[in-house]
Amino acid sequence: MIRFEHVSKRYADGTTAVDDLSFEVTAGELVTLVGPSGCGKTTTMKMVNRLIEPTSGRIYLDGEDISDIDPVRLRRRIGYVIQQVGLFPHKTVLENTATVPHLLGWKKGDSRKRAAELLDLVGLDPSVYGDRYPEQLSGGQRQRVGVARALAADPPVLLMDEPFGAVDPVVREHLQTEFLRLQQELHKTVLFVTHDIEEAVRLGDRIAVYGQGRIEQYDAPAAVLGAPATPYVADFVGSDRGLKRLSVTPIEEGDLEQPPVVRLEDPAESAAARMRAEEAGWAVVLDAAGHLHGWVGADHLTSGTVSDHARRMEAWLPVGASLKRAFSTMLQHDAGWIAVIDESGEGRFLGVLTPATLHEALRRSTAADARDISRAEVELESVSGV
């Protein structure tokens, strides 16, 4: 969808902002450009919509050389979101959101209908917020309007220049979560500029790590964190990159342990006997349909049925959730393990993840990326007894 071929940008004073840049962004991919201030990432992005013209090289959008496209027409095909949003203060939220469709000649009713749909999509009820003015919104709400406005004409490409950088950390995390939800639904091709490696890792399908005007590494987040291509990249992502990798490593079924399982309707004594036979002090409790209910300790099973003694399970996650979420859930509930269920929403129990198996999953993920194989193919050396 977007292709850079030997693109450079040099200014009259001799400054080289971007030096011989070549990379490609495929359709529907979210690529984060990350690096320190002045490294050329914003210049790269602004060359895509010709707010800055390259000195040399070619940039292609869906196979078409952008230098052959009228800049105004080009920009109306590309959504653009910036840190300070840039909403018109004298226009309502609905009017702001309808700006681009209006410029494209849409009928007023169609523009407003599309604006209302987009506001609803970004979590702002148009009946509540549509007639408000930007000054009546919080910073996070203004950013949502900015995203809605950029999406209003349904552009295939979205350029985002540190869009969440001006809000507090809590709001920023919420905006990131909402944007990931939107991207899963809309599948836009996105260039996302940030200076925050954690944001880049969380959002990007691929990350371009910038040095001075050049890309030092262009790879999947897990690969950047697990196998930095240069000492510069290793230093930039930080010595805690192993911890950052938790956020991009999903739970897989192969990571899970299989503890004893009992049913709510089982007699307490027989369930306790089964747990003693397996030398287990506790068991996972399922309902009659095989859905996760909770857990029970062997010492509690003295009479009646398992349902008389079972405790509800609060520490659980769906398979595919990140190891970071798993670790956070363990800490939040002071749990020695968490239950993992399927992604279908039916609550089918798959197994449990413990601190030890979480660590093994991280080690397998790192080794798999280094050797370009699946995690299931990795055999870990045991460190027991060391």
Protein backbone atom coordinates (compact mmCIF):
# COMPACT_ATOMS: atom_id res chain seq x y z
CA MET A 1 0.00 0.00 0.00
CA ILE A 2 2.84 2.44 0.90
CA ARG A 3 6.32 1.96 -0.55
CA PHE A 4 9.44 4.10 -0.06
CA GLU A 5 12.24 3.67 -2.60
CA HIS A 6 15.56 5.34 -1.72
CA VAL A 7 13.86 8.43 -0.32
CA SER A 8 15.94 11.26 1.14
CA LYS A 9 15.14 14.70 2.48
CA ARG A 10 17.88 17.31 2.68
CA TYR A 11 17.40 20.97 3.54
CA ALA A 12 19.23 24.00 2.15
CA ASP A 13 21.32 24.37 5.31
CA GLY A 14 22.78 20.90 4.74
CA THR A 15 20.63 19.09 7.28
CA THR A 16 19.65 15.56 6.24
CA ALA A 17 16.35 14.64 7.86
CA VAL A 18 15.87 11.32 6.05
CA ASP A 19 18.67 9.45 4.31
CA ASP A 20 18.05 6.82 1.58
CA LEU A 21 14.93 5.32 3.14
CA SER A 22 13.43 2.15 1.62
CA PHE A 23 10.62 0.16 3.22
CA GLU A 24 7.09 -1.04 2.52
CA VAL A 25 3.83 -1.05 4.48
CA THR A 26 1.32 -3.66 3.33
CA ALA A 27 -2.42 -3.04 3.13
CA GLY A 28 -4.15 -3.22 6.51
CA GLU A 29 -0.88 -3.08 8.44
CA LEU A 30 -0.20 -0.75 11.37
CA VAL A 31 3.45 0.32 11.38
CA THR A 32 4.85 2.38 14.22
CA LEU A 33 7.77 4.74 13.56
CA VAL A 34 9.68 5.14 16.80
CA GLY A 35 12.81 7.01 17.74
CA PRO A 36 14.15 10.09 19.55
CA SER A 37 13.20 13.64 18.63
CA GLY A 38 14.73 14.84 15.38
CA CYS A 39 15.39 11.37 13.96
CA GLY A 40 13.22 11.84 10.85
CA LYS A 41 10.09 9.84 11.70
CA THR A 42 7.64 12.77 11.39
CA THR A 43 9.37 13.91 8.20
CA THR A 44 8.88 10.40 6.82
CA MET A 45 5.18 10.50 7.58
CA LYS A 46 4.63 14.01 6.19
CA MET A 47 6.24 13.03 2.90
CA VAL A 48 3.43 10.49 2.38
CA ASN A 49 0.80 13.24 2.09
CA ARG A 50 3.24 15.72 0.55
CA LEU A 51 3.25 18.18 3.42
CA ILE A 52 7.00 17.78 2.91
CA GLU A 53 8.44 16.99 -0.51
CA PRO A 54 11.34 14.50 -0.74
CA THR A 55 14.65 15.64 -2.19
CA SER A 56 15.15 12.35 -3.98
CA GLY A 57 13.57 8.92 -4.31
CA ARG A 58 10.01 7.79 -4.90
CA ILE A 59 7.00 7.16 -2.66
CA TYR A 60 4.16 5.01 -3.95
CA LEU A 61 0.59 4.81 -2.65
CA ASP A 62 -1.26 1.72 -3.82
CA GLY A 63 1.20 1.47 -6.73
CA GLU A 64 0.86 5.11 -7.80
CA ASP A 65 3.76 7.56 -7.57
CA ILE A 66 2.46 10.29 -5.25
CA SER A 67 4.46 12.96 -7.09
CA ASP A 68 1.98 12.47 -9.96
CA ILE A 69 -1.04 13.10 -7.71
CA ASP A 70 -2.40 16.57 -6.97
CA PRO A 71 -1.46 17.26 -3.32
CA VAL A 72 -4.97 18.40 -2.32
CA ARG A 73 -6.57 15.33 -3.90
CA LEU A 74 -3.93 13.12 -2.30
CA ARG A 75 -4.54 14.52 1.19
CA ARG A 76 -8.27 13.93 0.91
CA ARG A 77 -7.51 10.23 0.35
CA ILE A 78 -5.43 10.05 3.52
CA GLY A 79 -6.61 10.45 7.11
CA TYR A 80 -4.35 12.61 9.29
CA VAL A 81 -4.34 12.79 13.09
CA ILE A 82 -1.94 14.97 15.08
CA GLN A 83 -1.14 15.37 18.77
CA GLN A 84 -2.96 18.69 19.22
CA VAL A 85 -5.97 17.43 17.22
CA GLY A 86 -6.51 20.73 15.35
CA LEU A 87 -10.31 20.87 15.70
CA PHE A 88 -12.08 24.02 14.51
CA PRO A 89 -13.12 25.81 17.74
CA HIS A 90 -16.12 27.54 16.11
CA LYS A 91 -17.62 24.29 14.81
CA THR A 92 -19.50 21.63 16.74
CA VAL A 93 -18.14 18.13 17.19
CA LEU A 94 -20.46 16.82 14.47
CA GLU A 95 -19.44 19.60 12.07
CA ASN A 96 -15.75 18.98 12.78
CA THR A 97 -16.16 15.28 12.07
CA ALA A 98 -18.00 15.95 8.81
CA THR A 99 -15.28 18.31 7.50
CA VAL A 100 -13.65 16.05 4.90
CA PRO A 101 -16.87 14.55 3.48
CA HIS A 102 -18.14 18.13 3.11
CA LEU A 103 -14.95 19.13 1.24
CA LEU A 104 -15.38 16.12 -1.01
CA GLY A 105 -18.81 17.35 -2.03
CA TRP A 106 -20.99 14.96 -0.06
CA LYS A 107 -24.57 16.04 0.56
CA LYS A 108 -25.00 17.66 3.96
CA GLY A 109 -27.30 14.92 5.23
CA ASP A 110 -24.87 12.18 4.14
CA SER A 111 -21.93 14.01 5.75
CA ARG A 112 -23.73 14.37 9.07
CA LYS A 113 -24.93 10.77 9.00
CA ARG A 114 -21.37 9.55 8.38
CA ALA A 115 -20.05 11.84 11.14
CA ALA A 116 -22.60 10.48 13.61
CA GLU A 117 -21.64 6.89 12.72
CA LEU A 118 -17.96 7.63 13.31
CA LEU A 119 -18.55 9.40 16.60
CA ASP A 120 -20.48 6.37 17.81
CA LEU A 121 -17.65 4.10 16.59
CA VAL A 122 -15.06 5.97 18.68
CA GLY A 123 -17.28 5.84 21.76
CA LEU A 124 -18.86 9.31 21.67
CA ASP A 125 -22.66 9.25 21.53
CA PRO A 126 -23.54 11.80 18.79
CA SER A 127 -26.80 12.67 20.57
CA VAL A 128 -24.75 13.71 23.61
CA TYR A 129 -21.56 15.13 22.07
CA GLY A 130 -22.54 16.08 18.52
CA ASP A 131 -23.68 19.64 19.35
CA ARG A 132 -20.86 20.39 21.78
CA TYR A 133 -17.84 22.51 20.91
CA PRO A 134 -14.21 21.37 21.32
CA GLU A 135 -13.68 23.52 24.43
CA GLN A 136 -16.43 21.52 26.15
CA LEU A 137 -14.55 18.22 25.72
CA SER A 138 -11.74 16.61 27.68
CA GLY A 139 -8.38 16.03 26.03
CA GLY A 140 -9.15 12.36 25.47
CA GLN A 141 -12.53 13.19 23.94
CA ARG A 142 -10.94 15.69 21.56
CA GLN A 143 -8.48 13.02 20.45
CA ARG A 144 -11.39 10.68 19.73
CA VAL A 145 -13.03 13.37 17.60
CA GLY A 146 -9.73 13.81 15.75
CA VAL A 147 -9.64 10.09 14.94
CA ALA A 148 -13.30 10.13 13.88
CA ARG A 149 -12.69 13.11 11.58
CA ALA A 150 -9.71 11.36 9.97
CA LEU A 151 -11.84 8.29 9.29
CA ALA A 152 -14.96 10.12 8.09
CA ALA A 153 -14.28 9.80 4.34
CA ASP A 154 -13.19 6.15 4.79
CA PRO A 155 -9.57 6.70 3.65
CA PRO A 156 -7.48 3.57 3.02
CA VAL A 157 -4.45 5.16 4.72
CA LEU A 158 -4.20 6.83 8.11
CA LEU A 159 -1.25 8.94 9.27
CA MET A 160 -0.99 9.53 13.02
CA ASP A 161 1.65 11.83 14.50
CA GLU A 162 1.92 11.16 18.26
CA PRO A 163 -1.88 11.39 18.52
CA PHE A 164 -2.06 10.33 22.17
CA GLY A 165 0.99 12.15 23.44
CA ALA A 166 -0.83 15.14 24.97
CA VAL A 167 -3.04 13.23 27.43
CA ASP A 168 -2.33 11.67 30.81
CA PRO A 169 -1.10 8.04 31.00
CA VAL A 170 -4.45 6.55 32.08
CA VAL A 171 -6.38 8.23 29.25
CA ARG A 172 -3.58 7.39 26.85
CA GLU A 173 -3.79 3.67 27.62
CA HIS A 174 -7.56 3.77 27.16
CA LEU A 175 -7.20 5.54 23.81
CA GLN A 176 -4.65 2.96 22.68
CA THR A 177 -7.04 0.15 23.61
CA GLU A 178 -9.90 1.79 21.74
CA PHE A 179 -7.75 2.43 18.69
CA LEU A 180 -6.63 -1.21 18.58
CA ARG A 181 -10.30 -2.20 18.69
CA LEU A 182 -11.04 0.15 15.80
CA GLN A 183 -8.11 -1.14 13.77
CA GLN A 184 -9.24 -4.75 14.21
CA GLU A 185 -12.59 -3.72 12.77
CA LEU A 186 -11.50 -1.31 10.02
CA HIS A 187 -8.09 -2.71 8.91
CA LYS A 188 -6.66 0.62 7.80
CA THR A 189 -3.10 0.99 6.59
CA VAL A 190 -1.53 3.10 9.33
CA LEU A 191 1.74 4.94 9.86
CA PHE A 192 1.90 5.84 13.55
CA VAL A 193 4.66 8.13 14.84
CA THR A 194 5.68 7.88 18.49
CA HIS A 195 8.74 8.37 20.67
CA ASP A 196 7.48 5.82 23.20
CA ILE A 197 8.79 2.29 22.61
CA GLU A 198 6.07 0.77 24.81
CA GLU A 199 3.37 2.42 22.70
CA ALA A 200 5.14 1.30 19.52
CA VAL A 201 5.32 -2.28 20.78
CA ARG A 202 1.72 -2.36 21.93
CA LEU A 203 0.19 -0.95 18.74
CA GLY A 204 2.43 -1.94 15.86
CA ASP A 205 2.22 -4.97 13.60
CA ARG A 206 5.75 -3.92 12.69
CA ILE A 207 8.10 -1.33 14.16
CA ALA A 208 10.55 0.92 12.35
CA VAL A 209 13.22 1.92 14.87
CA TYR A 210 14.89 5.13 13.72
CA GLY A 211 18.44 6.23 14.26
CA GLN A 212 19.45 9.55 12.73
CA GLY A 213 17.48 9.70 9.50
CA ARG A 214 17.70 5.96 8.94
CA ILE A 215 15.78 2.88 9.99
CA GLU A 216 18.01 0.74 12.19
CA GLN A 217 15.54 -2.16 12.36
CA TYR A 218 12.20 -2.88 10.70
CA ASP A 219 10.55 -5.94 12.19
CA ALA A 220 7.75 -7.37 14.31
CA PRO A 221 7.65 -6.03 17.89
CA ALA A 222 8.64 -9.37 19.40
CA ALA A 223 11.67 -9.59 17.11
CA VAL A 224 12.79 -6.03 17.90
CA LEU A 225 12.60 -6.78 21.62
CA GLY A 226 13.97 -10.31 21.45
CA ALA A 227 16.70 -9.84 18.85
CA PRO A 228 17.77 -6.17 18.46
CA ALA A 229 19.58 -5.80 15.14
CA THR A 230 22.21 -3.33 16.39
CA PRO A 231 23.64 -2.07 19.69
CA TYR A 232 21.74 1.17 19.03
CA VAL A 233 18.40 -0.67 18.88
CA ALA A 234 19.25 -2.68 21.99
CA ASP A 235 20.04 0.52 23.86
CA PHE A 236 16.91 2.27 22.57
CA VAL A 237 14.45 -0.47 23.52
CA GLY A 238 16.10 -0.70 26.94
CA SER A 239 17.61 -3.29 29.23
CA ASP A 240 14.11 -4.23 30.36
CA ARG A 241 13.13 -5.36 26.85
CA GLY A 242 12.42 -8.83 28.24
CA LEU A 243 9.64 -7.32 30.35
CA LYS A 244 8.38 -5.28 27.38
CA ARG A 245 8.24 -8.50 25.37
CA LEU A 246 5.59 -9.82 27.76
CA SER A 247 3.12 -7.39 26.17
CA VAL A 248 3.57 -8.85 22.66
CA THR A 249 3.79 -12.54 23.57
CA PRO A 250 0.38 -14.26 23.59
CA ILE A 251 -0.68 -17.19 25.75
CA GLU A 252 -0.78 -20.38 23.67
CA GLU A 253 -2.41 -23.66 24.58
CA GLY A 254 0.99 -25.34 24.61
CA ASP A 255 2.02 -23.09 27.52
CA LEU A 256 -0.62 -24.48 29.86
CA GLU A 257 -0.52 -27.02 32.64
CA GLN A 258 -3.38 -29.46 33.19
CA PRO A 259 -4.35 -29.62 36.87
CA PRO A 260 -6.99 -31.98 38.28
CA VAL A 261 -10.52 -31.08 37.17
CA VAL A 262 -13.73 -31.79 39.08
CA ARG A 263 -17.38 -30.97 38.39
CA LEU A 264 -19.82 -29.04 40.52
CA GLU A 265 -22.10 -32.06 40.82
CA ASP A 266 -19.33 -34.48 41.87
CA PRO A 267 -19.59 -35.96 45.40
CA ALA A 268 -17.09 -34.19 47.65
CA GLU A 269 -15.47 -37.38 48.94
CA SER A 270 -14.83 -38.86 45.49
CA ALA A 271 -13.43 -35.55 44.23
CA ALA A 272 -11.11 -35.37 47.24
CA ALA A 273 -9.97 -38.95 46.64
CA ARG A 274 -9.18 -38.17 43.02
CA MET A 275 -7.13 -35.13 44.04
CA ARG A 276 -5.19 -37.13 46.63
CA ALA A 277 -4.44 -39.77 43.99
CA GLU A 278 -2.94 -37.06 41.80
CA GLU A 279 -1.09 -35.56 44.79
CA ALA A 280 -2.83 -32.24 44.23
CA GLY A 281 -3.99 -29.85 46.92
CA TRP A 282 -6.55 -28.14 44.69
CA ALA A 283 -8.55 -28.64 41.51
CA VAL A 284 -10.29 -26.55 38.87
CA VAL A 285 -14.07 -26.71 39.08
CA LEU A 286 -16.21 -26.87 35.93
CA ASP A 287 -19.98 -26.74 35.56
CA ALA A 288 -22.03 -29.38 33.79
CA ALA A 289 -21.35 -27.77 30.40
CA GLY A 290 -17.59 -27.80 30.96
CA HIS A 291 -17.35 -24.06 31.57
CA LEU A 292 -15.01 -22.62 34.15
CA HIS A 293 -16.65 -22.10 37.53
CA GLY A 294 -13.79 -21.77 39.99
CA TRP A 295 -11.54 -23.88 42.17
CA VAL A 296 -11.65 -25.96 45.32
CA GLY A 297 -9.09 -27.09 47.89
CA ALA A 298 -8.88 -30.77 48.81
CA ASP A 299 -9.10 -29.94 52.52
CA HIS A 300 -12.51 -28.32 51.98
CA LEU A 301 -14.14 -31.39 50.48
CA THR A 302 -15.59 -33.03 53.58
CA SER A 303 -19.25 -33.65 52.69
CA GLY A 304 -21.96 -32.97 50.14
CA THR A 305 -20.95 -32.09 46.59
CA VAL A 306 -18.19 -29.98 45.10
CA SER A 307 -20.69 -27.14 44.57
CA ASP A 308 -21.03 -26.79 48.35
CA HIS A 309 -17.34 -25.89 48.69
CA ALA A 310 -16.21 -24.42 45.32
CA ARG A 311 -14.94 -20.87 45.15
CA ARG A 312 -15.48 -18.58 42.20
CA MET A 313 -12.47 -17.97 39.97
CA GLU A 314 -11.55 -14.32 39.39
CA ALA A 315 -8.06 -14.85 37.95
CA TRP A 316 -8.69 -15.97 34.39
CA LEU A 317 -7.96 -14.85 30.82
CA PRO A 318 -8.74 -16.02 27.28
CA VAL A 319 -6.07 -17.84 25.30
CA GLY A 320 -4.24 -15.31 23.11
CA ALA A 321 -4.12 -12.66 25.83
CA SER A 322 -0.64 -11.28 26.42
CA LEU A 323 1.74 -12.64 29.03
CA LYS A 324 1.82 -9.11 30.45
CA ARG A 325 -1.92 -9.31 31.15
CA ALA A 326 -1.40 -12.74 32.66
CA PHE A 327 1.34 -11.49 34.97
CA SER A 328 -0.74 -8.45 35.93
CA THR A 329 -3.74 -10.66 36.68
CA MET A 330 -1.64 -12.89 38.93
CA LEU A 331 -0.42 -9.85 40.87
CA GLN A 332 -3.86 -8.23 41.03
CA HIS A 333 -5.47 -11.33 42.56
CA ASP A 334 -2.40 -12.50 44.49
CA ALA A 335 -2.78 -15.76 42.57
CA GLY A 336 -0.23 -18.53 42.08
CA TRP A 337 -1.88 -19.41 38.77
CA ILE A 338 -4.57 -18.21 36.40
CA ALA A 339 -7.14 -20.19 34.47
CA VAL A 340 -7.15 -19.90 30.68
CA ILE A 341 -10.32 -20.33 28.63
CA ASP A 342 -11.07 -20.42 24.92
CA GLU A 343 -11.71 -17.28 22.85
CA SER A 344 -15.23 -18.20 21.79
CA GLY A 345 -16.80 -16.60 24.84
CA GLU A 346 -18.24 -19.93 26.00
CA GLY A 347 -15.75 -20.23 28.82
CA ARG A 348 -14.37 -23.66 27.85
CA PHE A 349 -11.49 -24.39 30.20
CA LEU A 350 -8.12 -25.04 28.51
CA GLY A 351 -5.61 -25.18 31.37
CA VAL A 352 -3.72 -22.98 33.81
CA LEU A 353 -0.73 -20.69 33.52
CA THR A 354 1.70 -20.48 36.44
CA PRO A 355 4.66 -18.15 36.98
CA ALA A 356 6.97 -20.99 35.91
CA THR A 357 5.07 -21.72 32.69
CA LEU A 358 4.78 -17.99 31.97
CA HIS A 359 8.56 -17.75 32.15
CA GLU A 360 8.92 -20.80 29.91
CA ALA A 361 6.49 -19.29 27.38
CA LEU A 362 8.61 -16.13 27.23
CA ARG A 363 11.80 -18.15 26.78
CA ARG A 364 10.22 -20.26 24.03
CA SER A 365 8.96 -17.16 22.24
CA THR A 366 12.41 -15.56 22.26
CA ALA A 367 14.09 -18.76 21.05
CA ALA A 368 11.45 -19.29 18.35
CA ASP A 369 11.95 -15.83 16.89
CA ALA A 370 15.73 -16.20 16.95
CA ARG A 371 15.54 -19.51 15.06
CA ASP A 372 12.47 -18.66 12.91
CA ILE A 373 10.47 -21.65 14.12
CA SER A 374 7.21 -22.07 16.02
CA ARG A 375 7.13 -21.97 19.81
CA ALA A 376 5.92 -25.58 19.83
CA GLU A 377 9.18 -26.66 18.16
CA VAL A 378 11.39 -25.12 20.84
CA GLU A 379 12.89 -27.46 23.42
CA LEU A 380 14.06 -25.65 26.52
CA GLU A 381 16.98 -26.75 28.61
CA SER A 382 15.96 -27.38 32.19
CA VAL A 383 17.52 -25.22 34.85
CA SER A 384 16.25 -27.33 37.74
CA GLY A 385 18.86 -28.12 40.30
CA VAL A 386 21.12 -25.26 39.28
